[in-house]
Amino acid sequence: MEAEIKAIEKNQTWELVEFPIGAKKIGVKWIYKTKLNEFGEIDKHKARLVAKGYSQEHRVDYTEVFSPVARMDTVRIVIPLAAQRGWTLFQLDVKYAFLYGTLSENVYVDQLKG
């Protein structure tokens, strides 16, 4: 959790402001995941702070949807295709990629709870 909060602060992801009258507030929650190594042993614990976006409406509270995750269907097609054509594949894991996006909307969230 500390690493996630430090990354948010370092990248100046948000700023604390007065809550405007009539604005809609959405909650946040922590998502925890235990990563295992190839032997099934605990490798690391991860924590991610997410906004409860399901309380928002598309084209009312936001206009764009972005997901940087490749679908497994796509991966299953690209790998054999690359092998067949002799292409070189590269894998990239970007930490905190969502922190670099620019929002045109204001998002107001409840206070953080650990």
PDB file of N, CA and C in Angstrom:
ATOM      1  N   MET A   1       0.827  -1.188   0.000  1.00  0.00           N
ATOM      2  CA  MET A   1       0.000   0.000   0.000  1.00  0.00           C
ATOM      3  C   MET A   1       0.873   1.254   0.000  1.00  0.00           C
ATOM      4  N   GLU A   2       1.961   1.190   0.762  1.00  0.00           N
ATOM      5  CA  GLU A   2       2.851   2.347   0.823  1.00  0.00           C
ATOM      6  C   GLU A   2       3.467   2.640  -0.540  1.00  0.00           C
ATOM      7  N   ALA A   3       3.886   1.592  -1.266  1.00  0.00           N
ATOM      8  CA  ALA A   3       4.479   1.779  -2.599  1.00  0.00           C
ATOM      9  C   ALA A   3       3.469   2.397  -3.559  1.00  0.00           C
ATOM     10  N   GLU A   4       2.219   1.968  -3.479  1.00  0.00           N
ATOM     11  CA  GLU A   4       1.165   2.501  -4.345  1.00  0.00           C
ATOM     12  C   GLU A   4       0.918   3.981  -4.039  1.00  0.00           C
ATOM     13  N   ILE A   5       0.807   4.322  -2.771  1.00  0.00           N
ATOM     14  CA  ILE A   5       0.579   5.721  -2.377  1.00  0.00           C
ATOM     15  C   ILE A   5       1.773   6.586  -2.779  1.00  0.00           C
ATOM     16  N   LYS A   6       2.997   6.080  -2.601  1.00  0.00           N
ATOM     17  CA  LYS A   6       4.185   6.852  -2.993  1.00  0.00           C
ATOM     18  C   LYS A   6       4.211   7.109  -4.498  1.00  0.00           C
ATOM     19  N   ALA A   7       3.823   6.103  -5.290  1.00  0.00           N
ATOM     20  CA  ALA A   7       3.781   6.284  -6.747  1.00  0.00           C
ATOM     21  C   ALA A   7       2.724   7.317  -7.130  1.00  0.00           C
ATOM     22  N   ILE A   8       1.583   7.280  -6.477  1.00  0.00           N
ATOM     23  CA  ILE A   8       0.514   8.255  -6.737  1.00  0.00           C
ATOM     24  C   ILE A   8       0.998   9.666  -6.409  1.00  0.00           C
ATOM     25  N   GLU A   9       1.647   9.816  -5.263  1.00  0.00           N
ATOM     26  CA  GLU A   9       2.156  11.127  -4.865  1.00  0.00           C
ATOM     27  C   GLU A   9       3.283  11.598  -5.781  1.00  0.00           C
ATOM     28  N   LYS A  10       4.218  10.702  -6.109  1.00  0.00           N
ATOM     29  CA  LYS A  10       5.361  11.050  -6.964  1.00  0.00           C
ATOM     30  C   LYS A  10       4.901  11.536  -8.338  1.00  0.00           C
ATOM     31  N   ASN A  11       3.900  10.885  -8.885  1.00  0.00           N
ATOM     32  CA  ASN A  11       3.406  11.237 -10.218  1.00  0.00           C
ATOM     33  C   ASN A  11       2.332  12.327 -10.186  1.00  0.00           C
ATOM     34  N   GLN A  12       2.073  12.864  -9.005  1.00  0.00           N
ATOM     35  CA  GLN A  12       1.068  13.932  -8.838  1.00  0.00           C
ATOM     36  C   GLN A  12      -0.235  13.559  -9.545  1.00  0.00           C
ATOM     37  N   THR A  13      -0.713  12.345  -9.234  1.00  0.00           N
ATOM     38  CA  THR A  13      -1.915  11.815  -9.870  1.00  0.00           C
ATOM     39  C   THR A  13      -3.150  12.627  -9.518  1.00  0.00           C
ATOM     40  N   TRP A  14      -3.207  13.145  -8.309  1.00  0.00           N
ATOM     41  CA  TRP A  14      -4.366  13.937  -7.927  1.00  0.00           C
ATOM     42  C   TRP A  14      -3.954  15.076  -7.019  1.00  0.00           C
ATOM     43  N   GLU A  15      -4.894  15.960  -6.793  1.00  0.00           N
ATOM     44  CA  GLU A  15      -4.685  17.050  -5.845  1.00  0.00           C
ATOM     45  C   GLU A  15      -5.904  17.141  -4.942  1.00  0.00           C
ATOM     46  N   LEU A  16      -5.688  17.493  -3.707  1.00  0.00           N
ATOM     47  CA  LEU A  16      -6.751  17.626  -2.729  1.00  0.00           C
ATOM     48  C   LEU A  16      -7.448  18.965  -2.935  1.00  0.00           C
ATOM     49  N   VAL A  17      -8.762  18.945  -3.122  1.00  0.00           N
ATOM     50  CA  VAL A  17      -9.527  20.171  -3.355  1.00  0.00           C
ATOM     51  C   VAL A  17     -10.777  20.166  -2.481  1.00  0.00           C
ATOM     52  N   GLU A  18     -11.394  21.313  -2.370  1.00  0.00           N
ATOM     53  CA  GLU A  18     -12.679  21.413  -1.675  1.00  0.00           C
ATOM     54  C   GLU A  18     -13.734  20.681  -2.500  1.00  0.00           C
ATOM     55  N   PHE A  19     -14.631  19.980  -1.832  1.00  0.00           N
ATOM     56  CA  PHE A  19     -15.682  19.252  -2.543  1.00  0.00           C
ATOM     57  C   PHE A  19     -16.757  20.235  -3.006  1.00  0.00           C
ATOM     58  N   PRO A  20     -16.988  20.329  -4.328  1.00  0.00           N
ATOM     59  CA  PRO A  20     -17.981  21.276  -4.838  1.00  0.00           C
ATOM     60  C   PRO A  20     -19.411  20.870  -4.469  1.00  0.00           C
ATOM     61  N   ILE A  21     -20.235  21.855  -4.221  1.00  0.00           N
ATOM     62  CA  ILE A  21     -21.650  21.601  -3.920  1.00  0.00           C
ATOM     63  C   ILE A  21     -22.310  20.974  -5.142  1.00  0.00           C
ATOM     64  N   GLY A  22     -23.049  19.892  -4.919  1.00  0.00           N
ATOM     65  CA  GLY A  22     -23.767  19.231  -6.004  1.00  0.00           C
ATOM     66  C   GLY A  22     -22.948  18.218  -6.789  1.00  0.00           C
ATOM     67  N   ALA A  23     -21.656  18.099  -6.492  1.00  0.00           N
ATOM     68  CA  ALA A  23     -20.819  17.120  -7.214  1.00  0.00           C
ATOM     69  C   ALA A  23     -21.111  15.722  -6.696  1.00  0.00           C
ATOM     70  N   LYS A  24     -20.914  14.729  -7.551  1.00  0.00           N
ATOM     71  CA  LYS A  24     -21.136  13.336  -7.192  1.00  0.00           C
ATOM     72  C   LYS A  24     -19.810  12.727  -6.746  1.00  0.00           C
ATOM     73  N   LYS A  25     -19.810  12.076  -5.595  1.00  0.00           N
ATOM     74  CA  LYS A  25     -18.598  11.486  -5.037  1.00  0.00           C
ATOM     75  C   LYS A  25     -18.618   9.972  -5.272  1.00  0.00           C
ATOM     76  N   ILE A  26     -17.464   9.408  -5.663  1.00  0.00           N
ATOM     77  CA  ILE A  26     -17.366   7.956  -5.797  1.00  0.00           C
ATOM     78  C   ILE A  26     -16.363   7.438  -4.777  1.00  0.00           C
ATOM     79  N   GLY A  27     -16.522   6.211  -4.380  1.00  0.00           N
ATOM     80  CA  GLY A  27     -15.641   5.627  -3.381  1.00  0.00           C
ATOM     81  C   GLY A  27     -14.385   5.030  -3.990  1.00  0.00           C
ATOM     82  N   VAL A  28     -13.460   4.670  -3.125  1.00  0.00           N
ATOM     83  CA  VAL A  28     -12.244   3.962  -3.538  1.00  0.00           C
ATOM     84  C   VAL A  28     -12.109   2.722  -2.665  1.00  0.00           C
ATOM     85  N   LYS A  29     -11.356   1.744  -3.150  1.00  0.00           N
ATOM     86  CA  LYS A  29     -11.070   0.584  -2.312  1.00  0.00           C
ATOM     87  C   LYS A  29      -9.712   0.018  -2.693  1.00  0.00           C
ATOM     88  N   TRP A  30      -9.139  -0.723  -1.772  1.00  0.00           N
ATOM     89  CA  TRP A  30      -7.853  -1.372  -1.994  1.00  0.00           C
ATOM     90  C   TRP A  30      -8.098  -2.772  -2.533  1.00  0.00           C
ATOM     91  N   ILE A  31      -7.333  -3.151  -3.562  1.00  0.00           N
ATOM     92  CA  ILE A  31      -7.364  -4.502  -4.118  1.00  0.00           C
ATOM     93  C   ILE A  31      -6.025  -5.142  -3.763  1.00  0.00           C
ATOM     94  N   TYR A  32      -6.075  -6.303  -3.127  1.00  0.00           N
ATOM     95  CA  TYR A  32      -4.858  -6.996  -2.711  1.00  0.00           C
ATOM     96  C   TYR A  32      -4.686  -8.276  -3.523  1.00  0.00           C
ATOM     97  N   LYS A  33      -3.443  -8.572  -3.889  1.00  0.00           N
ATOM     98  CA  LYS A  33      -3.162  -9.782  -4.643  1.00  0.00           C
ATOM     99  C   LYS A  33      -1.827 -10.353  -4.191  1.00  0.00           C
ATOM    100  N   THR A  34      -1.776 -11.670  -4.058  1.00  0.00           N
ATOM    101  CA  THR A  34      -0.537 -12.355  -3.723  1.00  0.00           C
ATOM    102  C   THR A  34       0.005 -12.985  -4.986  1.00  0.00           C
ATOM    103  N   LYS A  35       1.206 -12.595  -5.371  1.00  0.00           N
ATOM    104  CA  LYS A  35       1.857 -13.138  -6.567  1.00  0.00           C
ATOM    105  C   LYS A  35       2.706 -14.338  -6.160  1.00  0.00           C
ATOM    106  N   LEU A  36       2.575 -15.441  -6.904  1.00  0.00           N
ATOM    107  CA  LEU A  36       3.337 -16.650  -6.635  1.00  0.00           C
ATOM    108  C   LEU A  36       4.426 -16.828  -7.683  1.00  0.00           C
ATOM    109  N   ASN A  37       5.522 -17.483  -7.304  1.00  0.00           N
ATOM    110  CA  ASN A  37       6.569 -17.789  -8.276  1.00  0.00           C
ATOM    111  C   ASN A  37       6.249 -19.111  -8.973  1.00  0.00           C
ATOM    112  N   GLU A  38       7.159 -19.586  -9.797  1.00  0.00           N
ATOM    113  CA  GLU A  38       6.906 -20.802 -10.577  1.00  0.00           C
ATOM    114  C   GLU A  38       6.791 -22.058  -9.725  1.00  0.00           C
ATOM    115  N   PHE A  39       7.218 -21.987  -8.452  1.00  0.00           N
ATOM    116  CA  PHE A  39       7.135 -23.131  -7.552  1.00  0.00           C
ATOM    117  C   PHE A  39       5.887 -23.072  -6.657  1.00  0.00           C
ATOM    118  N   GLY A  40       5.044 -22.053  -6.873  1.00  0.00           N
ATOM    119  CA  GLY A  40       3.835 -21.907  -6.078  1.00  0.00           C
ATOM    120  C   GLY A  40       4.068 -21.258  -4.727  1.00  0.00           C
ATOM    121  N   GLU A  41       5.267 -20.702  -4.518  1.00  0.00           N
ATOM    122  CA  GLU A  41       5.591 -20.024  -3.267  1.00  0.00           C
ATOM    123  C   GLU A  41       5.297 -18.535  -3.411  1.00  0.00           C
ATOM    124  N   ILE A  42       5.033 -17.881  -2.296  1.00  0.00           N
ATOM    125  CA  ILE A  42       4.731 -16.445  -2.326  1.00  0.00           C
ATOM    126  C   ILE A  42       5.958 -15.675  -2.804  1.00  0.00           C
ATOM    127  N   ASP A  43       5.760 -14.883  -3.855  1.00  0.00           N
ATOM    128  CA  ASP A  43       6.836 -14.069  -4.417  1.00  0.00           C
ATOM    129  C   ASP A  43       6.739 -12.643  -3.887  1.00  0.00           C
ATOM    130  N   LYS A  44       5.532 -12.074  -3.927  1.00  0.00           N
ATOM    131  CA  LYS A  44       5.326 -10.721  -3.414  1.00  0.00           C
ATOM    132  C   LYS A  44       3.832 -10.468  -3.202  1.00  0.00           C
ATOM    133  N   HIS A  45       3.565  -9.460  -2.397  1.00  0.00           N
ATOM    134  CA  HIS A  45       2.204  -9.012  -2.151  1.00  0.00           C
ATOM    135  C   HIS A  45       2.018  -7.679  -2.871  1.00  0.00           C
ATOM    136  N   LYS A  46       0.893  -7.509  -3.550  1.00  0.00           N
ATOM    137  CA  LYS A  46       0.646  -6.269  -4.284  1.00  0.00           C
ATOM    138  C   LYS A  46      -0.633  -5.626  -3.764  1.00  0.00           C
ATOM    139  N   ALA A  47      -0.666  -4.318  -3.783  1.00  0.00           N
ATOM    140  CA  ALA A  47      -1.850  -3.560  -3.391  1.00  0.00           C
ATOM    141  C   ALA A  47      -2.093  -2.502  -4.463  1.00  0.00           C
ATOM    142  N   ARG A  48      -3.355  -2.306  -4.802  1.00  0.00           N
ATOM    143  CA  ARG A  48      -3.700  -1.318  -5.814  1.00  0.00           C
ATOM    144  C   ARG A  48      -4.924  -0.552  -5.321  1.00  0.00           C
ATOM    145  N   LEU A  49      -4.878   0.758  -5.453  1.00  0.00           N
ATOM    146  CA  LEU A  49      -6.001   1.600  -5.068  1.00  0.00           C
ATOM    147  C   LEU A  49      -6.847   1.870  -6.302  1.00  0.00           C
ATOM    148  N   VAL A  50      -8.122   1.524  -6.246  1.00  0.00           N
ATOM    149  CA  VAL A  50      -8.992   1.703  -7.402  1.00  0.00           C
ATOM    150  C   VAL A  50     -10.229   2.502  -7.018  1.00  0.00           C
ATOM    151  N   ALA A  51     -10.701   3.284  -7.976  1.00  0.00           N
ATOM    152  CA  ALA A  51     -11.954   4.008  -7.788  1.00  0.00           C
ATOM    153  C   ALA A  51     -13.107   3.064  -8.100  1.00  0.00           C
ATOM    154  N   LYS A  52     -14.181   3.196  -7.362  1.00  0.00           N
ATOM    155  CA  LYS A  52     -15.358   2.354  -7.593  1.00  0.00           C
ATOM    156  C   LYS A  52     -16.138   2.934  -8.769  1.00  0.00           C
ATOM    157  N   GLY A  53     -15.552   2.758  -9.954  1.00  0.00           N
ATOM    158  CA  GLY A  53     -16.104   3.349 -11.169  1.00  0.00           C
ATOM    159  C   GLY A  53     -17.464   2.834 -11.572  1.00  0.00           C
ATOM    160  N   TYR A  54     -17.881   1.697 -11.002  1.00  0.00           N
ATOM    161  CA  TYR A  54     -19.181   1.148 -11.363  1.00  0.00           C
ATOM    162  C   TYR A  54     -20.329   2.053 -10.934  1.00  0.00           C
ATOM    163  N   SER A  55     -20.052   3.040 -10.114  1.00  0.00           N
ATOM    164  CA  SER A  55     -21.109   3.967  -9.707  1.00  0.00           C
ATOM    165  C   SER A  55     -21.232   5.138 -10.682  1.00  0.00           C
ATOM    166  N   GLN A  56     -20.418   5.134 -11.745  1.00  0.00           N
ATOM    167  CA  GLN A  56     -20.465   6.192 -12.747  1.00  0.00           C
ATOM    168  C   GLN A  56     -21.216   5.716 -13.989  1.00  0.00           C
ATOM    169  N   GLU A  57     -21.663   6.663 -14.792  1.00  0.00           N
ATOM    170  CA  GLU A  57     -22.372   6.353 -16.031  1.00  0.00           C
ATOM    171  C   GLU A  57     -21.568   6.835 -17.233  1.00  0.00           C
ATOM    172  N   HIS A  58     -21.417   5.946 -18.230  1.00  0.00           N
ATOM    173  CA  HIS A  58     -20.710   6.289 -19.456  1.00  0.00           C
ATOM    174  C   HIS A  58     -21.423   7.438 -20.162  1.00  0.00           C
ATOM    175  N   ARG A  59     -20.682   8.376 -20.666  1.00  0.00           N
ATOM    176  CA  ARG A  59     -21.146   9.584 -21.349  1.00  0.00           C
ATOM    177  C   ARG A  59     -21.833  10.589 -20.407  1.00  0.00           C
ATOM    178  N   VAL A  60     -21.910  10.268 -19.120  1.00  0.00           N
ATOM    179  CA  VAL A  60     -22.397  11.229 -18.132  1.00  0.00           C
ATOM    180  C   VAL A  60     -21.222  11.649 -17.250  1.00  0.00           C
ATOM    181  N   ASP A  61     -20.589  10.666 -16.599  1.00  0.00           N
ATOM    182  CA  ASP A  61     -19.456  10.934 -15.720  1.00  0.00           C
ATOM    183  C   ASP A  61     -18.109  10.792 -16.422  1.00  0.00           C
ATOM    184  N   TYR A  62     -18.075  10.065 -17.527  1.00  0.00           N
ATOM    185  CA  TYR A  62     -16.840   9.889 -18.295  1.00  0.00           C
ATOM    186  C   TYR A  62     -17.205   9.578 -19.735  1.00  0.00           C
ATOM    187  N   THR A  63     -16.249   9.790 -20.645  1.00  0.00           N
ATOM    188  CA  THR A  63     -16.549   9.579 -22.064  1.00  0.00           C
ATOM    189  C   THR A  63     -15.659   8.529 -22.715  1.00  0.00           C
ATOM    190  N   GLU A  64     -14.545   8.173 -22.077  1.00  0.00           N
ATOM    191  CA  GLU A  64     -13.596   7.268 -22.716  1.00  0.00           C
ATOM    192  C   GLU A  64     -13.295   6.085 -21.812  1.00  0.00           C
ATOM    193  N   VAL A  65     -13.118   4.914 -22.397  1.00  0.00           N
ATOM    194  CA  VAL A  65     -12.764   3.716 -21.649  1.00  0.00           C
ATOM    195  C   VAL A  65     -11.415   3.227 -22.171  1.00  0.00           C
ATOM    196  N   PHE A  66     -10.490   2.916 -21.247  1.00  0.00           N
ATOM    197  CA  PHE A  66      -9.165   2.462 -21.652  1.00  0.00           C
ATOM    198  C   PHE A  66      -8.757   1.289 -20.784  1.00  0.00           C
ATOM    199  N   SER A  67      -8.268   0.242 -21.402  1.00  0.00           N
ATOM    200  CA  SER A  67      -7.754  -0.917 -20.682  1.00  0.00           C
ATOM    201  C   SER A  67      -6.457  -1.359 -21.339  1.00  0.00           C
ATOM    202  N   PRO A  68      -5.326  -1.224 -20.633  1.00  0.00           N
ATOM    203  CA  PRO A  68      -4.045  -1.564 -21.239  1.00  0.00           C
ATOM    204  C   PRO A  68      -3.710  -3.053 -21.225  1.00  0.00           C
ATOM    205  N   VAL A  69      -4.684  -3.901 -20.964  1.00  0.00           N
ATOM    206  CA  VAL A  69      -4.442  -5.339 -20.854  1.00  0.00           C
ATOM    207  C   VAL A  69      -4.802  -6.036 -22.163  1.00  0.00           C
ATOM    208  N   ALA A  70      -3.892  -6.875 -22.648  1.00  0.00           N
ATOM    209  CA  ALA A  70      -4.154  -7.641 -23.873  1.00  0.00           C
ATOM    210  C   ALA A  70      -5.101  -8.788 -23.554  1.00  0.00           C
ATOM    211  N   ARG A  71      -6.034  -9.040 -24.440  1.00  0.00           N
ATOM    212  CA  ARG A  71      -6.940 -10.173 -24.273  1.00  0.00           C
ATOM    213  C   ARG A  71      -6.185 -11.454 -24.603  1.00  0.00           C
ATOM    214  N   MET A  72      -6.493 -12.538 -23.899  1.00  0.00           N
ATOM    215  CA  MET A  72      -5.808 -13.808 -24.138  1.00  0.00           C
ATOM    216  C   MET A  72      -6.080 -14.327 -25.546  1.00  0.00           C
ATOM    217  N   ASP A  73      -7.250 -14.045 -26.106  1.00  0.00           N
ATOM    218  CA  ASP A  73      -7.551 -14.446 -27.490  1.00  0.00           C
ATOM    219  C   ASP A  73      -6.508 -13.847 -28.444  1.00  0.00           C
ATOM    220  N   THR A  74      -6.182 -12.585 -28.226  1.00  0.00           N
ATOM    221  CA  THR A  74      -5.206 -11.898 -29.070  1.00  0.00           C
ATOM    222  C   THR A  74      -3.822 -12.511 -28.909  1.00  0.00           C
ATOM    223  N   VAL A  75      -3.433 -12.785 -27.669  1.00  0.00           N
ATOM    224  CA  VAL A  75      -2.124 -13.380 -27.401  1.00  0.00           C
ATOM    225  C   VAL A  75      -2.016 -14.748 -28.081  1.00  0.00           C
ATOM    226  N   ARG A  76      -3.081 -15.544 -28.008  1.00  0.00           N
ATOM    227  CA  ARG A  76      -3.069 -16.886 -28.616  1.00  0.00           C
ATOM    228  C   ARG A  76      -2.974 -16.839 -30.137  1.00  0.00           C
ATOM    229  N   ILE A  77      -3.390 -15.747 -30.734  1.00  0.00           N
ATOM    230  CA  ILE A  77      -3.289 -15.603 -32.190  1.00  0.00           C
ATOM    231  C   ILE A  77      -1.912 -15.058 -32.584  1.00  0.00           C
ATOM    232  N   VAL A  78      -1.428 -14.068 -31.840  1.00  0.00           N
ATOM    233  CA  VAL A  78      -0.182 -13.388 -32.199  1.00  0.00           C
ATOM    234  C   VAL A  78       1.040 -14.300 -32.043  1.00  0.00           C
ATOM    235  N   ILE A  79       1.102 -15.105 -30.994  1.00  0.00           N
ATOM    236  CA  ILE A  79       2.284 -15.941 -30.766  1.00  0.00           C
ATOM    237  C   ILE A  79       2.507 -16.947 -31.903  1.00  0.00           C
ATOM    238  N   PRO A  80       1.504 -17.735 -32.305  1.00  0.00           N
ATOM    239  CA  PRO A  80       1.747 -18.647 -33.437  1.00  0.00           C
ATOM    240  C   PRO A  80       2.038 -17.906 -34.746  1.00  0.00           C
ATOM    241  N   LEU A  81       1.382 -16.783 -34.957  1.00  0.00           N
ATOM    242  CA  LEU A  81       1.618 -15.995 -36.153  1.00  0.00           C
ATOM    243  C   LEU A  81       3.069 -15.501 -36.193  1.00  0.00           C
ATOM    244  N   ALA A  82       3.564 -15.031 -35.056  1.00  0.00           N
ATOM    245  CA  ALA A  82       4.947 -14.556 -34.968  1.00  0.00           C
ATOM    246  C   ALA A  82       5.924 -15.705 -35.206  1.00  0.00           C
ATOM    247  N   ALA A  83       5.626 -16.869 -34.637  1.00  0.00           N
ATOM    248  CA  ALA A  83       6.506 -18.031 -34.835  1.00  0.00           C
ATOM    249  C   ALA A  83       6.529 -18.440 -36.310  1.00  0.00           C
ATOM    250  N   GLN A  84       5.371 -18.425 -36.941  1.00  0.00           N
ATOM    251  CA  GLN A  84       5.263 -18.814 -38.346  1.00  0.00           C
ATOM    252  C   GLN A  84       6.035 -17.854 -39.252  1.00  0.00           C
ATOM    253  N   ARG A  85       6.000 -16.570 -38.932  1.00  0.00           N
ATOM    254  CA  ARG A  85       6.628 -15.556 -39.792  1.00  0.00           C
ATOM    255  C   ARG A  85       8.020 -15.147 -39.333  1.00  0.00           C
ATOM    256  N   GLY A  86       8.507 -15.756 -38.245  1.00  0.00           N
ATOM    257  CA  GLY A  86       9.858 -15.450 -37.771  1.00  0.00           C
ATOM    258  C   GLY A  86       9.987 -14.096 -37.101  1.00  0.00           C
ATOM    259  N   TRP A  87       8.889 -13.568 -36.579  1.00  0.00           N
ATOM    260  CA  TRP A  87       8.943 -12.271 -35.902  1.00  0.00           C
ATOM    261  C   TRP A  87       9.552 -12.421 -34.515  1.00  0.00           C
ATOM    262  N   THR A  88      10.163 -11.357 -34.027  1.00  0.00           N
ATOM    263  CA  THR A  88      10.661 -11.306 -32.657  1.00  0.00           C
ATOM    264  C   THR A  88       9.581 -10.669 -31.793  1.00  0.00           C
ATOM    265  N   LEU A  89       9.272 -11.297 -30.671  1.00  0.00           N
ATOM    266  CA  LEU A  89       8.264 -10.758 -29.750  1.00  0.00           C
ATOM    267  C   LEU A  89       8.940 -10.160 -28.529  1.00  0.00           C
ATOM    268  N   PHE A  90       8.365  -9.089 -28.012  1.00  0.00           N
ATOM    269  CA  PHE A  90       8.841  -8.464 -26.788  1.00  0.00           C
ATOM    270  C   PHE A  90       7.675  -8.354 -25.827  1.00  0.00           C
ATOM    271  N   GLN A  91       7.944  -8.547 -24.540  1.00  0.00           N
ATOM    272  CA  GLN A  91       6.925  -8.402 -23.506  1.00  0.00           C
ATOM    273  C   GLN A  91       7.307  -7.214 -22.649  1.00  0.00           C
ATOM    274  N   LEU A  92       6.339  -6.418 -22.278  1.00  0.00           N
ATOM    275  CA  LEU A  92       6.596  -5.222 -21.487  1.00  0.00           C
ATOM    276  C   LEU A  92       5.589  -5.159 -20.352  1.00  0.00           C
ATOM    277  N   ASP A  93       6.077  -4.969 -19.149  1.00  0.00           N
ATOM    278  CA  ASP A  93       5.219  -4.825 -17.978  1.00  0.00           C
ATOM    279  C   ASP A  93       5.444  -3.426 -17.428  1.00  0.00           C
ATOM    280  N   VAL A  94       4.455  -2.570 -17.547  1.00  0.00           N
ATOM    281  CA  VAL A  94       4.587  -1.184 -17.113  1.00  0.00           C
ATOM    282  C   VAL A  94       3.897  -1.011 -15.775  1.00  0.00           C
ATOM    283  N   LYS A  95       4.675  -0.609 -14.772  1.00  0.00           N
ATOM    284  CA  LYS A  95       4.092  -0.339 -13.462  1.00  0.00           C
ATOM    285  C   LYS A  95       3.460   1.047 -13.483  1.00  0.00           C
ATOM    286  N   TYR A  96       2.296   1.149 -12.917  1.00  0.00           N
ATOM    287  CA  TYR A  96       1.623   2.432 -12.737  1.00  0.00           C
ATOM    288  C   TYR A  96       1.309   3.137 -14.050  1.00  0.00           C
ATOM    289  N   ALA A  97       1.042   2.404 -15.115  1.00  0.00           N
ATOM    290  CA  ALA A  97       0.764   3.014 -16.419  1.00  0.00           C
ATOM    291  C   ALA A  97      -0.447   3.943 -16.360  1.00  0.00           C
ATOM    292  N   PHE A  98      -1.439   3.586 -15.552  1.00  0.00           N
ATOM    293  CA  PHE A  98      -2.651   4.400 -15.471  1.00  0.00           C
ATOM    294  C   PHE A  98      -2.388   5.787 -14.908  1.00  0.00           C
ATOM    295  N   LEU A  99      -1.290   5.971 -14.224  1.00  0.00           N
ATOM    296  CA  LEU A  99      -1.005   7.258 -13.597  1.00  0.00           C
ATOM    297  C   LEU A  99      -0.630   8.347 -14.593  1.00  0.00           C
ATOM    298  N   TYR A 100      -0.337   7.958 -15.835  1.00  0.00           N
ATOM    299  CA  TYR A 100       0.143   8.931 -16.806  1.00  0.00           C
ATOM    300  C   TYR A 100      -0.955   9.440 -17.726  1.00  0.00           C
ATOM    301  N   GLY A 101      -2.169   8.976 -17.552  1.00  0.00           N
ATOM    302  CA  GLY A 101      -3.272   9.436 -18.387  1.00  0.00           C
ATOM    303  C   GLY A 101      -3.731  10.814 -17.963  1.00  0.00           C
ATOM    304  N   THR A 102      -4.354  11.536 -18.878  1.00  0.00           N
ATOM    305  CA  THR A 102      -4.898  12.852 -18.574  1.00  0.00           C
ATOM    306  C   THR A 102      -6.412  12.778 -18.636  1.00  0.00           C
ATOM    307  N   LEU A 103      -7.071  13.176 -17.567  1.00  0.00           N
ATOM    308  CA  LEU A 103      -8.532  13.184 -17.529  1.00  0.00           C
ATOM    309  C   LEU A 103      -9.052  14.571 -17.849  1.00  0.00           C
ATOM    310  N   SER A 104     -10.124  14.623 -18.612  1.00  0.00           N
ATOM    311  CA  SER A 104     -10.766  15.913 -18.849  1.00  0.00           C
ATOM    312  C   SER A 104     -11.890  16.129 -17.841  1.00  0.00           C
ATOM    313  N   GLU A 105     -12.277  15.061 -17.122  1.00  0.00           N
ATOM    314  CA  GLU A 105     -13.341  15.148 -16.129  1.00  0.00           C
ATOM    315  C   GLU A 105     -12.737  15.311 -14.739  1.00  0.00           C
ATOM    316  N   ASN A 106     -13.515  15.881 -13.824  1.00  0.00           N
ATOM    317  CA  ASN A 106     -13.117  15.921 -12.423  1.00  0.00           C
ATOM    318  C   ASN A 106     -13.680  14.669 -11.759  1.00  0.00           C
ATOM    319  N   VAL A 107     -12.876  14.024 -10.923  1.00  0.00           N
ATOM    320  CA  VAL A 107     -13.314  12.833 -10.194  1.00  0.00           C
ATOM    321  C   VAL A 107     -13.159  13.122  -8.712  1.00  0.00           C
ATOM    322  N   TYR A 108     -14.245  12.982  -7.968  1.00  0.00           N
ATOM    323  CA  TYR A 108     -14.211  13.244  -6.540  1.00  0.00           C
ATOM    324  C   TYR A 108     -14.425  11.928  -5.815  1.00  0.00           C
ATOM    325  N   VAL A 109     -13.458  11.556  -4.937  1.00  0.00           N
ATOM    326  CA  VAL A 109     -13.548  10.284  -4.250  1.00  0.00           C
ATOM    327  C   VAL A 109     -13.615  10.492  -2.750  1.00  0.00           C
ATOM    328  N   ASP A 110     -14.192   9.492  -2.066  1.00  0.00           N
ATOM    329  CA  ASP A 110     -14.209   9.506  -0.602  1.00  0.00           C
ATOM    330  C   ASP A 110     -12.791   9.492  -0.087  1.00  0.00           C
ATOM    331  N   GLN A 111     -12.623   9.853   1.176  1.00  0.00           N
ATOM    332  CA  GLN A 111     -11.279   9.827   1.744  1.00  0.00           C
ATOM    333  C   GLN A 111     -10.707   8.426   1.726  1.00  0.00           C
ATOM    334  N   LEU A 112      -9.388   8.335   1.685  1.00  0.00           N
ATOM    335  CA  LEU A 112      -8.709   7.043   1.632  1.00  0.00           C
ATOM    336  C   LEU A 112      -8.837   6.328   2.955  1.00  0.00           C
ATOM    337  N   LYS A 113      -9.097   5.042   2.873  1.00  0.00           N
ATOM    338  CA  LYS A 113      -9.173   4.217   4.064  1.00  0.00           C
ATOM    339  C   LYS A 113      -8.242   3.046   3.882  1.00  0.00           C
ATOM    340  N   GLY A 114      -7.370   2.766   4.842  1.00  0.00           N
ATOM    341  CA  GLY A 114      -6.381   1.705   4.730  1.00  0.00           C
ATOM    342  C   GLY A 114      -6.904   0.334   5.050  1.00  0.00           C
TER     343      GLY A 114
END
